[in-house]
């Protein structure tokens, strides 16, 4: 984007322009690079205006739980209200980031998926003691994530465990019914046409 000022022309990246409007984007896998970038953007916007809303657009298949939890904790501790918007898919930890917003909106054809945490890699190997430790850690992570989902959906832990036992997908309407989202973003063109009639 090229902008003109009293000092002449200067170039601005599209993401910088959107950041100036307090819009940030979680697109693709959740990992150390993506969460580091999002955390820096969130903290910057909080410094600029600690009371103004931040809009976080999400289209993510999920990814690292550890990195996702770091971002979740920052989101929960910001003074700014967070408005999350699901566009496309918010799956796994992408769903947790979406449902943790203060205001949660979903586009009509978007989907949300929640499930238990997975062990990445080709399988469990090692001694019985090591495997026991890994399983205990996985079950602890499962409990942490279930508590987060329960908190933001106002469902019981038992209801969450039932849904996360397998990959459970929700369309926009189902997401609202289960407490994962607050409302569906309506078609602005249709609204305008209906108003003009």
C-alpha atoms as a PDB file:
ATOM      1  CA  UNK A   1       0.000   0.000   0.000  1.00  0.00           C
ATOM      2  CA  UNK A   2       1.371   3.439  -0.958  1.00  0.00           C
ATOM      3  CA  UNK A   3       0.298   6.386   1.168  1.00  0.00           C
ATOM      4  CA  UNK A   4       0.840  10.080   0.666  1.00  0.00           C
ATOM      5  CA  UNK A   5       1.746  12.358   3.580  1.00  0.00           C
ATOM      6  CA  UNK A   6       3.068  15.893   3.926  1.00  0.00           C
ATOM      7  CA  UNK A   7       6.545  14.333   3.804  1.00  0.00           C
ATOM      8  CA  UNK A   8       5.880  12.530   0.524  1.00  0.00           C
ATOM      9  CA  UNK A   9       4.964   8.959  -0.337  1.00  0.00           C
ATOM     10  CA  UNK A  10       5.767   5.890   1.721  1.00  0.00           C
ATOM     11  CA  UNK A  11       5.076   2.169   1.411  1.00  0.00           C
ATOM     12  CA  UNK A  12       3.160   0.205   3.997  1.00  0.00           C
ATOM     13  CA  UNK A  13       2.556  -3.549   4.014  1.00  0.00           C
ATOM     14  CA  UNK A  14      -1.037  -4.740   3.933  1.00  0.00           C
ATOM     15  CA  UNK A  15      -0.662  -6.385   7.361  1.00  0.00           C
ATOM     16  CA  UNK A  16       0.709  -3.149   8.838  1.00  0.00           C
ATOM     17  CA  UNK A  17      -2.285  -1.252   7.476  1.00  0.00           C
ATOM     18  CA  UNK A  18      -4.677  -3.813   8.977  1.00  0.00           C
ATOM     19  CA  UNK A  19      -2.758  -3.714  12.270  1.00  0.00           C
ATOM     20  CA  UNK A  20      -3.326   0.052  12.386  1.00  0.00           C
ATOM     21  CA  UNK A  21      -7.059  -0.757  12.251  1.00  0.00           C
ATOM     22  CA  UNK A  22      -6.542  -3.199  15.172  1.00  0.00           C
ATOM     23  CA  UNK A  23      -7.086  -6.289  13.011  1.00  0.00           C
ATOM     24  CA  UNK A  24      -4.724  -9.277  13.255  1.00  0.00           C
ATOM     25  CA  UNK A  25      -4.769 -12.680  11.579  1.00  0.00           C
ATOM     26  CA  UNK A  26      -4.143 -16.244  12.774  1.00  0.00           C
ATOM     27  CA  UNK A  27      -3.796 -18.080   9.468  1.00  0.00           C
ATOM     28  CA  UNK A  28      -2.405 -21.598   9.156  1.00  0.00           C
ATOM     29  CA  UNK A  29      -0.598 -23.722  11.702  1.00  0.00           C
ATOM     30  CA  UNK A  30      -0.180 -22.644  15.310  1.00  0.00           C
ATOM     31  CA  UNK A  31       3.536 -22.863  16.072  1.00  0.00           C
ATOM     32  CA  UNK A  32       6.274 -20.859  17.781  1.00  0.00           C
ATOM     33  CA  UNK A  33       6.672 -18.461  14.838  1.00  0.00           C
ATOM     34  CA  UNK A  34       2.978 -17.707  14.335  1.00  0.00           C
ATOM     35  CA  UNK A  35       2.220 -17.324  18.046  1.00  0.00           C
ATOM     36  CA  UNK A  36       5.289 -15.147  18.651  1.00  0.00           C
ATOM     37  CA  UNK A  37       4.114 -12.800  15.904  1.00  0.00           C
ATOM     38  CA  UNK A  38       0.534 -12.702  17.232  1.00  0.00           C
ATOM     39  CA  UNK A  39       1.665 -12.123  20.823  1.00  0.00           C
ATOM     40  CA  UNK A  40       3.833  -9.176  19.748  1.00  0.00           C
ATOM     41  CA  UNK A  41       0.951  -7.683  17.761  1.00  0.00           C
ATOM     42  CA  UNK A  42      -1.478  -8.100  20.666  1.00  0.00           C
ATOM     43  CA  UNK A  43       0.897  -6.526  23.175  1.00  0.00           C
ATOM     44  CA  UNK A  44       1.657  -3.651  20.793  1.00  0.00           C
ATOM     45  CA  UNK A  45      -2.050  -2.902  20.287  1.00  0.00           C
ATOM     46  CA  UNK A  46      -2.631  -3.026  24.048  1.00  0.00           C
ATOM     47  CA  UNK A  47       0.108  -0.412  24.522  1.00  0.00           C
ATOM     48  CA  UNK A  48      -1.377   1.806  21.808  1.00  0.00           C
ATOM     49  CA  UNK A  49      -4.840   1.722  23.410  1.00  0.00           C
ATOM     50  CA  UNK A  50      -5.461  -0.539  26.426  1.00  0.00           C
ATOM     51  CA  UNK A  51      -9.260  -0.241  26.147  1.00  0.00           C
ATOM     52  CA  UNK A  52      -9.942  -0.514  22.411  1.00  0.00           C
ATOM     53  CA  UNK A  53     -11.173  -3.765  20.895  1.00  0.00           C
ATOM     54  CA  UNK A  54      -8.819  -6.005  18.900  1.00  0.00           C
ATOM     55  CA  UNK A  55     -10.257  -8.189  16.120  1.00  0.00           C
ATOM     56  CA  UNK A  56      -8.556 -11.560  15.601  1.00  0.00           C
ATOM     57  CA  UNK A  57      -9.457 -13.398  12.395  1.00  0.00           C
ATOM     58  CA  UNK A  58      -8.854 -17.163  12.608  1.00  0.00           C
ATOM     59  CA  UNK A  59      -8.493 -19.779   9.867  1.00  0.00           C
ATOM     60  CA  UNK A  60      -6.325 -22.478  11.420  1.00  0.00           C
ATOM     61  CA  UNK A  61      -6.074 -26.280  11.577  1.00  0.00           C
ATOM     62  CA  UNK A  62      -4.464 -25.986  15.016  1.00  0.00           C
ATOM     63  CA  UNK A  63      -0.956 -27.061  15.932  1.00  0.00           C
ATOM     64  CA  UNK A  64       1.286 -26.906  18.984  1.00  0.00           C
ATOM     65  CA  UNK A  65      -0.600 -26.977  22.285  1.00  0.00           C
ATOM     66  CA  UNK A  66       2.299 -25.381  24.198  1.00  0.00           C
ATOM     67  CA  UNK A  67       2.518 -22.459  21.756  1.00  0.00           C
ATOM     68  CA  UNK A  68      -1.263 -22.164  21.632  1.00  0.00           C
ATOM     69  CA  UNK A  69      -1.508 -21.997  25.422  1.00  0.00           C
ATOM     70  CA  UNK A  70       1.059 -19.180  25.496  1.00  0.00           C
ATOM     71  CA  UNK A  71      -1.093 -17.190  23.070  1.00  0.00           C
ATOM     72  CA  UNK A  72      -4.305 -18.086  24.951  1.00  0.00           C
ATOM     73  CA  UNK A  73      -2.824 -16.853  28.249  1.00  0.00           C
ATOM     74  CA  UNK A  74      -1.795 -13.539  26.668  1.00  0.00           C
ATOM     75  CA  UNK A  75      -5.277 -13.102  25.171  1.00  0.00           C
ATOM     76  CA  UNK A  76      -6.885 -13.735  28.556  1.00  0.00           C
ATOM     77  CA  UNK A  77      -4.620 -11.256  30.326  1.00  0.00           C
ATOM     78  CA  UNK A  78      -4.931  -8.319  27.931  1.00  0.00           C
ATOM     79  CA  UNK A  79      -6.892  -5.288  29.062  1.00  0.00           C
ATOM     80  CA  UNK A  80      -8.322  -4.978  25.532  1.00  0.00           C
ATOM     81  CA  UNK A  81     -11.470  -6.908  24.619  1.00  0.00           C
ATOM     82  CA  UNK A  82     -10.792  -9.523  21.921  1.00  0.00           C
ATOM     83  CA  UNK A  83     -13.283 -10.007  19.087  1.00  0.00           C
ATOM     84  CA  UNK A  84     -12.617 -13.348  17.356  1.00  0.00           C
ATOM     85  CA  UNK A  85     -13.938 -14.156  13.885  1.00  0.00           C
ATOM     86  CA  UNK A  86     -13.857 -17.677  12.417  1.00  0.00           C
ATOM     87  CA  UNK A  87     -13.415 -17.699   8.657  1.00  0.00           C
ATOM     88  CA  UNK A  88     -13.045 -21.088   7.003  1.00  0.00           C
ATOM     89  CA  UNK A  89     -11.954 -23.481   9.735  1.00  0.00           C
ATOM     90  CA  UNK A  90     -11.008 -23.175  13.380  1.00  0.00           C
ATOM     91  CA  UNK A  91      -9.887 -26.672  14.358  1.00  0.00           C
ATOM     92  CA  UNK A  92      -8.106 -28.139  17.365  1.00  0.00           C
ATOM     93  CA  UNK A  93      -6.222 -25.287  19.085  1.00  0.00           C
ATOM     94  CA  UNK A  94      -7.520 -22.897  16.431  1.00  0.00           C
ATOM     95  CA  UNK A  95     -10.983 -23.609  17.875  1.00  0.00           C
ATOM     96  CA  UNK A  96      -9.796 -22.913  21.419  1.00  0.00           C
ATOM     97  CA  UNK A  97      -8.366 -19.540  20.402  1.00  0.00           C
ATOM     98  CA  UNK A  98     -11.608 -18.697  18.617  1.00  0.00           C
ATOM     99  CA  UNK A  99     -13.987 -19.687  21.418  1.00  0.00           C
ATOM    100  CA  UNK A 100     -11.919 -17.768  23.996  1.00  0.00           C
ATOM    101  CA  UNK A 101     -12.761 -14.387  22.475  1.00  0.00           C
ATOM    102  CA  UNK A 102     -14.875 -11.855  24.374  1.00  0.00           C
ATOM    103  CA  UNK A 103     -17.109 -11.548  21.281  1.00  0.00           C
ATOM    104  CA  UNK A 104     -17.104 -14.587  18.942  1.00  0.00           C
ATOM    105  CA  UNK A 105     -18.515 -14.394  15.435  1.00  0.00           C
ATOM    106  CA  UNK A 106     -18.472 -17.024  12.716  1.00  0.00           C
ATOM    107  CA  UNK A 107     -18.966 -16.702   8.963  1.00  0.00           C
ATOM    108  CA  UNK A 108     -21.959 -18.710   7.630  1.00  0.00           C
ATOM    109  CA  UNK A 109     -19.971 -21.513   5.953  1.00  0.00           C
ATOM    110  CA  UNK A 110     -17.177 -21.814   8.497  1.00  0.00           C
ATOM    111  CA  UNK A 111     -16.630 -24.863  10.685  1.00  0.00           C
ATOM    112  CA  UNK A 112     -15.188 -25.537  14.110  1.00  0.00           C
ATOM    113  CA  UNK A 113     -13.622 -28.791  15.297  1.00  0.00           C
ATOM    114  CA  UNK A 114     -12.658 -29.834  18.827  1.00  0.00           C
ATOM    115  CA  UNK A 115     -10.909 -33.014  19.942  1.00  0.00           C
ATOM    116  CA  UNK A 116      -8.577 -34.453  22.560  1.00  0.00           C
ATOM    117  CA  UNK A 117      -4.870 -33.580  22.249  1.00  0.00           C
ATOM    118  CA  UNK A 118      -2.840 -35.906  20.029  1.00  0.00           C
ATOM    119  CA  UNK A 119       0.667 -37.301  20.242  1.00  0.00           C
ATOM    120  CA  UNK A 120       2.596 -36.169  17.184  1.00  0.00           C
ATOM    121  CA  UNK A 121       5.077 -38.450  15.440  1.00  0.00           C
ATOM    122  CA  UNK A 122       5.200 -42.058  14.297  1.00  0.00           C
ATOM    123  CA  UNK A 123       4.163 -43.579  17.616  1.00  0.00           C
ATOM    124  CA  UNK A 124       5.149 -44.119  21.217  1.00  0.00           C
ATOM    125  CA  UNK A 125       8.519 -45.728  21.827  1.00  0.00           C
ATOM    126  CA  UNK A 126      10.682 -46.112  24.892  1.00  0.00           C
ATOM    127  CA  UNK A 127      10.632 -47.708  28.314  1.00  0.00           C
ATOM    128  CA  UNK A 128       7.457 -48.367  30.271  1.00  0.00           C
ATOM    129  CA  UNK A 129       8.381 -45.559  32.682  1.00  0.00           C
ATOM    130  CA  UNK A 130       8.905 -43.094  29.821  1.00  0.00           C
ATOM    131  CA  UNK A 131       5.631 -44.089  28.164  1.00  0.00           C
ATOM    132  CA  UNK A 132       3.785 -43.732  31.477  1.00  0.00           C
ATOM    133  CA  UNK A 133       5.210 -40.216  31.882  1.00  0.00           C
ATOM    134  CA  UNK A 134       4.174 -39.252  28.329  1.00  0.00           C
ATOM    135  CA  UNK A 135       0.646 -40.588  28.851  1.00  0.00           C
ATOM    136  CA  UNK A 136       0.317 -38.761  32.195  1.00  0.00           C
ATOM    137  CA  UNK A 137       1.424 -35.534  30.497  1.00  0.00           C
ATOM    138  CA  UNK A 138      -1.075 -36.079  27.666  1.00  0.00           C
ATOM    139  CA  UNK A 139      -3.922 -36.679  30.115  1.00  0.00           C
ATOM    140  CA  UNK A 140      -2.964 -33.536  32.044  1.00  0.00           C
ATOM    141  CA  UNK A 141      -3.056 -31.549  28.788  1.00  0.00           C
ATOM    142  CA  UNK A 142      -6.440 -33.106  27.984  1.00  0.00           C
ATOM    143  CA  UNK A 143      -7.788 -31.880  31.322  1.00  0.00           C
ATOM    144  CA  UNK A 144      -6.381 -28.360  30.828  1.00  0.00           C
ATOM    145  CA  UNK A 145      -7.951 -28.041  27.370  1.00  0.00           C
ATOM    146  CA  UNK A 146     -11.285 -29.505  28.488  1.00  0.00           C
ATOM    147  CA  UNK A 147     -11.441 -26.996  31.347  1.00  0.00           C
ATOM    148  CA  UNK A 148     -10.751 -24.120  28.933  1.00  0.00           C
ATOM    149  CA  UNK A 149     -13.499 -25.272  26.554  1.00  0.00           C
ATOM    150  CA  UNK A 150     -15.922 -25.806  29.457  1.00  0.00           C
ATOM    151  CA  UNK A 151     -15.193 -22.331  30.832  1.00  0.00           C
ATOM    152  CA  UNK A 152     -15.944 -20.574  27.536  1.00  0.00           C
ATOM    153  CA  UNK A 153     -18.934 -22.721  26.490  1.00  0.00           C
ATOM    154  CA  UNK A 154     -20.460 -23.018  29.982  1.00  0.00           C
ATOM    155  CA  UNK A 155     -20.715 -26.789  29.489  1.00  0.00           C
ATOM    156  CA  UNK A 156     -19.741 -29.424  32.031  1.00  0.00           C
ATOM    157  CA  UNK A 157     -16.399 -31.219  31.830  1.00  0.00           C
ATOM    158  CA  UNK A 158     -18.281 -34.448  31.127  1.00  0.00           C
ATOM    159  CA  UNK A 159     -20.043 -32.862  28.145  1.00  0.00           C
ATOM    160  CA  UNK A 160     -16.712 -31.620  26.808  1.00  0.00           C
ATOM    161  CA  UNK A 161     -15.007 -35.011  27.240  1.00  0.00           C
ATOM    162  CA  UNK A 162     -17.872 -36.628  25.342  1.00  0.00           C
ATOM    163  CA  UNK A 163     -17.437 -34.236  22.412  1.00  0.00           C
ATOM    164  CA  UNK A 164     -13.615 -34.302  22.356  1.00  0.00           C
ATOM    165  CA  UNK A 165     -13.313 -38.115  22.484  1.00  0.00           C
ATOM    166  CA  UNK A 166     -13.385 -37.976  18.665  1.00  0.00           C
ATOM    167  CA  UNK A 167     -13.028 -35.178  16.111  1.00  0.00           C
ATOM    168  CA  UNK A 168     -16.341 -33.315  16.532  1.00  0.00           C
ATOM    169  CA  UNK A 169     -17.230 -30.804  13.824  1.00  0.00           C
ATOM    170  CA  UNK A 170     -19.731 -27.964  14.217  1.00  0.00           C
ATOM    171  CA  UNK A 171     -21.220 -25.842  11.464  1.00  0.00           C
ATOM    172  CA  UNK A 172     -22.002 -22.218  12.286  1.00  0.00           C
ATOM    173  CA  UNK A 173     -25.460 -22.922  13.737  1.00  0.00           C
ATOM    174  CA  UNK A 174     -24.260 -25.907  15.759  1.00  0.00           C
ATOM    175  CA  UNK A 175     -21.326 -23.868  17.092  1.00  0.00           C
ATOM    176  CA  UNK A 176     -23.739 -21.292  18.508  1.00  0.00           C
ATOM    177  CA  UNK A 177     -25.985 -23.987  19.985  1.00  0.00           C
ATOM    178  CA  UNK A 178     -23.011 -25.594  21.787  1.00  0.00           C
ATOM    179  CA  UNK A 179     -21.693 -22.259  23.065  1.00  0.00           C
ATOM    180  CA  UNK A 180     -18.584 -22.134  20.870  1.00  0.00           C
ATOM    181  CA  UNK A 181     -19.727 -18.970  19.067  1.00  0.00           C
ATOM    182  CA  UNK A 182     -22.039 -16.045  19.788  1.00  0.00           C
ATOM    183  CA  UNK A 183     -23.487 -15.261  16.385  1.00  0.00           C
ATOM    184  CA  UNK A 184     -23.224 -15.754  12.632  1.00  0.00           C
ATOM    185  CA  UNK A 185     -22.001 -12.835  10.526  1.00  0.00           C
ATOM    186  CA  UNK A 186     -24.776 -11.977   8.110  1.00  0.00           C
ATOM    187  CA  UNK A 187     -24.400 -11.098   4.462  1.00  0.00           C
ATOM    188  CA  UNK A 188     -24.044  -7.302   4.310  1.00  0.00           C
ATOM    189  CA  UNK A 189     -25.209  -7.156   0.686  1.00  0.00           C
ATOM    190  CA  UNK A 190     -28.403  -9.053   1.512  1.00  0.00           C
ATOM    191  CA  UNK A 191     -28.993  -6.798   4.536  1.00  0.00           C
ATOM    192  CA  UNK A 192     -28.616  -3.713   2.338  1.00  0.00           C
ATOM    193  CA  UNK A 193     -31.003  -5.117  -0.294  1.00  0.00           C
ATOM    194  CA  UNK A 194     -33.599  -5.990   2.376  1.00  0.00           C
ATOM    195  CA  UNK A 195     -33.330  -2.478   3.843  1.00  0.00           C
ATOM    196  CA  UNK A 196     -33.892  -0.879   0.425  1.00  0.00           C
ATOM    197  CA  UNK A 197     -37.022  -2.934  -0.293  1.00  0.00           C
END
